[in-house]
């Protein structure tokens, strides 16, 4: 689901959405976000 131009009523609602979004990330999604050459080289 993520965040798409949405207004939340409380900070708790933001945190809930963030937790939901993070829990739904797949390994492929994380790799596509963090799989930059310079990051990979730092941990090689």
PDB file of N, CA and C in Angstrom:
ATOM      1  N   UNK A   1       0.833  -1.195   0.000  1.00  0.00           N
ATOM      2  CA  UNK A   1       0.000   0.000   0.000  1.00  0.00           C
ATOM      3  C   UNK A   1       0.871   1.249   0.000  1.00  0.00           C
ATOM      4  N   UNK A   2       1.733   1.433   0.978  1.00  0.00           N
ATOM      5  CA  UNK A   2       2.632   2.572   0.993  1.00  0.00           C
ATOM      6  C   UNK A   2       1.950   3.876   1.355  1.00  0.00           C
ATOM      7  N   UNK A   3       2.599   4.952   0.964  1.00  0.00           N
ATOM      8  CA  UNK A   3       2.116   6.300   1.250  1.00  0.00           C
ATOM      9  C   UNK A   3       1.881   7.014  -0.075  1.00  0.00           C
ATOM     10  N   UNK A   4       0.665   7.438  -0.310  1.00  0.00           N
ATOM     11  CA  UNK A   4       0.329   8.103  -1.568  1.00  0.00           C
ATOM     12  C   UNK A   4      -0.560   9.312  -1.303  1.00  0.00           C
ATOM     13  N   UNK A   5       0.061  10.469  -1.125  1.00  0.00           N
ATOM     14  CA  UNK A   5      -0.700  11.711  -0.927  1.00  0.00           C
ATOM     15  C   UNK A   5      -1.882  11.510   0.005  1.00  0.00           C
ATOM     16  N   UNK A   6      -1.588  11.014   1.170  1.00  0.00           N
ATOM     17  CA  UNK A   6      -2.636  10.690   2.128  1.00  0.00           C
ATOM     18  C   UNK A   6      -2.422  11.486   3.409  1.00  0.00           C
ATOM     19  N   UNK A   7      -3.501  11.925   4.015  1.00  0.00           N
ATOM     20  CA  UNK A   7      -3.445  12.624   5.290  1.00  0.00           C
ATOM     21  C   UNK A   7      -3.889  11.652   6.368  1.00  0.00           C
ATOM     22  N   UNK A   8      -3.104  11.574   7.432  1.00  0.00           N
ATOM     23  CA  UNK A   8      -3.420  10.671   8.530  1.00  0.00           C
ATOM     24  C   UNK A   8      -3.944  11.474   9.708  1.00  0.00           C
ATOM     25  N   UNK A   9      -4.834  10.869  10.457  1.00  0.00           N
ATOM     26  CA  UNK A   9      -5.430  11.564  11.604  1.00  0.00           C
ATOM     27  C   UNK A   9      -4.472  11.668  12.784  1.00  0.00           C
ATOM     28  N   UNK A  10      -3.633  10.659  12.963  1.00  0.00           N
ATOM     29  CA  UNK A  10      -2.730  10.658  14.110  1.00  0.00           C
ATOM     30  C   UNK A  10      -1.359  10.128  13.692  1.00  0.00           C
ATOM     31  N   UNK A  11      -0.368  10.397  14.524  1.00  0.00           N
ATOM     32  CA  UNK A  11       0.958   9.853  14.299  1.00  0.00           C
ATOM     33  C   UNK A  11       0.917   8.331  14.400  1.00  0.00           C
ATOM     34  N   UNK A  12       0.092   7.804  15.272  1.00  0.00           N
ATOM     35  CA  UNK A  12      -0.047   6.350  15.403  1.00  0.00           C
ATOM     36  C   UNK A  12      -0.522   5.731  14.090  1.00  0.00           C
ATOM     37  N   UNK A  13      -1.389   6.413  13.375  1.00  0.00           N
ATOM     38  CA  UNK A  13      -1.844   5.919  12.069  1.00  0.00           C
ATOM     39  C   UNK A  13      -0.693   5.884  11.062  1.00  0.00           C
ATOM     40  N   UNK A  14       0.189   6.876  11.128  1.00  0.00           N
ATOM     41  CA  UNK A  14       1.366   6.906  10.246  1.00  0.00           C
ATOM     42  C   UNK A  14       2.270   5.726  10.578  1.00  0.00           C
ATOM     43  N   UNK A  15       2.533   5.517  11.853  1.00  0.00           N
ATOM     44  CA  UNK A  15       3.398   4.423  12.286  1.00  0.00           C
ATOM     45  C   UNK A  15       2.796   3.083  11.874  1.00  0.00           C
ATOM     46  N   UNK A  16       1.506   2.923  12.042  1.00  0.00           N
ATOM     47  CA  UNK A  16       0.840   1.678  11.631  1.00  0.00           C
ATOM     48  C   UNK A  16       1.019   1.425  10.146  1.00  0.00           C
ATOM     49  N   UNK A  17       0.833   2.454   9.323  1.00  0.00           N
ATOM     50  CA  UNK A  17       0.991   2.305   7.875  1.00  0.00           C
ATOM     51  C   UNK A  17       2.435   1.981   7.525  1.00  0.00           C
ATOM     52  N   UNK A  18       3.374   2.644   8.202  1.00  0.00           N
ATOM     53  CA  UNK A  18       4.780   2.386   7.946  1.00  0.00           C
ATOM     54  C   UNK A  18       5.127   0.935   8.278  1.00  0.00           C
ATOM     55  N   UNK A  19       4.675   0.446   9.405  1.00  0.00           N
ATOM     56  CA  UNK A  19       4.928  -0.949   9.790  1.00  0.00           C
ATOM     57  C   UNK A  19       4.312  -1.914   8.785  1.00  0.00           C
ATOM     58  N   UNK A  20       3.108  -1.635   8.360  1.00  0.00           N
ATOM     59  CA  UNK A  20       2.428  -2.477   7.372  1.00  0.00           C
ATOM     60  C   UNK A  20       3.206  -2.489   6.054  1.00  0.00           C
ATOM     61  N   UNK A  21       3.660  -1.315   5.643  1.00  0.00           N
ATOM     62  CA  UNK A  21       4.395  -1.202   4.388  1.00  0.00           C
ATOM     63  C   UNK A  21       5.721  -1.955   4.457  1.00  0.00           C
ATOM     64  N   UNK A  22       6.447  -1.792   5.549  1.00  0.00           N
ATOM     65  CA  UNK A  22       7.731  -2.473   5.709  1.00  0.00           C
ATOM     66  C   UNK A  22       7.533  -3.985   5.734  1.00  0.00           C
ATOM     67  N   UNK A  23       6.526  -4.449   6.432  1.00  0.00           N
ATOM     68  CA  UNK A  23       6.280  -5.892   6.535  1.00  0.00           C
ATOM     69  C   UNK A  23       5.904  -6.509   5.191  1.00  0.00           C
ATOM     70  N   UNK A  24       5.380  -5.721   4.280  1.00  0.00           N
ATOM     71  CA  UNK A  24       4.972  -6.234   2.979  1.00  0.00           C
ATOM     72  C   UNK A  24       6.062  -6.141   1.909  1.00  0.00           C
ATOM     73  N   UNK A  25       7.232  -5.628   2.283  1.00  0.00           N
ATOM     74  CA  UNK A  25       8.331  -5.557   1.324  1.00  0.00           C
ATOM     75  C   UNK A  25       8.859  -6.959   1.038  1.00  0.00           C
ATOM     76  N   UNK A  26       9.099  -7.226  -0.219  1.00  0.00           N
ATOM     77  CA  UNK A  26       9.693  -8.502  -0.602  1.00  0.00           C
ATOM     78  C   UNK A  26      11.211  -8.331  -0.686  1.00  0.00           C
ATOM     79  N   UNK A  27      11.920  -9.445  -0.732  1.00  0.00           N
ATOM     80  CA  UNK A  27      13.366  -9.391  -0.869  1.00  0.00           C
ATOM     81  C   UNK A  27      13.762  -8.662  -2.145  1.00  0.00           C
ATOM     82  N   UNK A  28      13.014  -8.893  -3.211  1.00  0.00           N
ATOM     83  CA  UNK A  28      13.305  -8.239  -4.486  1.00  0.00           C
ATOM     84  C   UNK A  28      13.123  -6.726  -4.386  1.00  0.00           C
ATOM     85  N   UNK A  29      12.097  -6.284  -3.662  1.00  0.00           N
ATOM     86  CA  UNK A  29      11.881  -4.844  -3.494  1.00  0.00           C
ATOM     87  C   UNK A  29      13.041  -4.203  -2.735  1.00  0.00           C
ATOM     88  N   UNK A  30      13.481  -4.854  -1.673  1.00  0.00           N
ATOM     89  CA  UNK A  30      14.588  -4.317  -0.881  1.00  0.00           C
ATOM     90  C   UNK A  30      15.853  -4.266  -1.728  1.00  0.00           C
ATOM     91  N   UNK A  31      16.100  -5.315  -2.497  1.00  0.00           N
ATOM     92  CA  UNK A  31      17.280  -5.328  -3.367  1.00  0.00           C
ATOM     93  C   UNK A  31      17.210  -4.218  -4.408  1.00  0.00           C
ATOM     94  N   UNK A  32      16.028  -3.957  -4.945  1.00  0.00           N
ATOM     95  CA  UNK A  32      15.910  -2.913  -5.962  1.00  0.00           C
ATOM     96  C   UNK A  32      16.145  -1.520  -5.374  1.00  0.00           C
ATOM     97  N   UNK A  33      15.865  -1.360  -4.092  1.00  0.00           N
ATOM     98  CA  UNK A  33      16.060  -0.070  -3.431  1.00  0.00           C
ATOM     99  C   UNK A  33      17.507   0.100  -2.994  1.00  0.00           C
ATOM    100  N   UNK A  34      18.110  -0.974  -2.491  1.00  0.00           N
ATOM    101  CA  UNK A  34      19.432  -0.875  -1.876  1.00  0.00           C
ATOM    102  C   UNK A  34      20.549  -1.477  -2.712  1.00  0.00           C
ATOM    103  N   UNK A  35      20.225  -2.088  -3.837  1.00  0.00           N
ATOM    104  CA  UNK A  35      21.217  -2.799  -4.623  1.00  0.00           C
ATOM    105  C   UNK A  35      22.074  -1.915  -5.510  1.00  0.00           C
ATOM    106  N   UNK A  36      22.568  -0.817  -4.982  1.00  0.00           N
ATOM    107  CA  UNK A  36      23.444   0.073  -5.733  1.00  0.00           C
ATOM    108  C   UNK A  36      24.873  -0.452  -5.645  1.00  0.00           C
ATOM    109  N   UNK A  37      25.626  -0.279  -6.696  1.00  0.00           N
ATOM    110  CA  UNK A  37      26.996  -0.792  -6.742  1.00  0.00           C
ATOM    111  C   UNK A  37      27.826  -0.332  -5.545  1.00  0.00           C
ATOM    112  N   UNK A  38      27.734   0.948  -5.198  1.00  0.00           N
ATOM    113  CA  UNK A  38      28.568   1.460  -4.113  1.00  0.00           C
ATOM    114  C   UNK A  38      28.179   0.851  -2.769  1.00  0.00           C
ATOM    115  N   UNK A  39      26.898   0.522  -2.591  1.00  0.00           N
ATOM    116  CA  UNK A  39      26.460  -0.124  -1.342  1.00  0.00           C
ATOM    117  C   UNK A  39      26.970  -1.557  -1.306  1.00  0.00           C
ATOM    118  N   UNK A  40      26.813  -2.268  -2.397  1.00  0.00           N
ATOM    119  CA  UNK A  40      27.260  -3.656  -2.470  1.00  0.00           C
ATOM    120  C   UNK A  40      28.761  -3.736  -2.227  1.00  0.00           C
ATOM    121  N   UNK A  41      29.520  -2.811  -2.807  1.00  0.00           N
ATOM    122  CA  UNK A  41      30.974  -2.822  -2.643  1.00  0.00           C
ATOM    123  C   UNK A  41      31.381  -2.573  -1.189  1.00  0.00           C
ATOM    124  N   UNK A  42      30.601  -1.804  -0.457  1.00  0.00           N
ATOM    125  CA  UNK A  42      30.917  -1.530   0.947  1.00  0.00           C
ATOM    126  C   UNK A  42      30.821  -2.779   1.803  1.00  0.00           C
ATOM    127  N   UNK A  43      29.990  -3.728   1.397  1.00  0.00           N
ATOM    128  CA  UNK A  43      29.766  -4.928   2.208  1.00  0.00           C
ATOM    129  C   UNK A  43      30.383  -6.170   1.587  1.00  0.00           C
ATOM    130  N   UNK A  44      31.188  -6.004   0.557  1.00  0.00           N
ATOM    131  CA  UNK A  44      31.835  -7.146  -0.094  1.00  0.00           C
ATOM    132  C   UNK A  44      33.181  -7.427   0.531  1.00  0.00           C
TER     133      UNK A  44
END
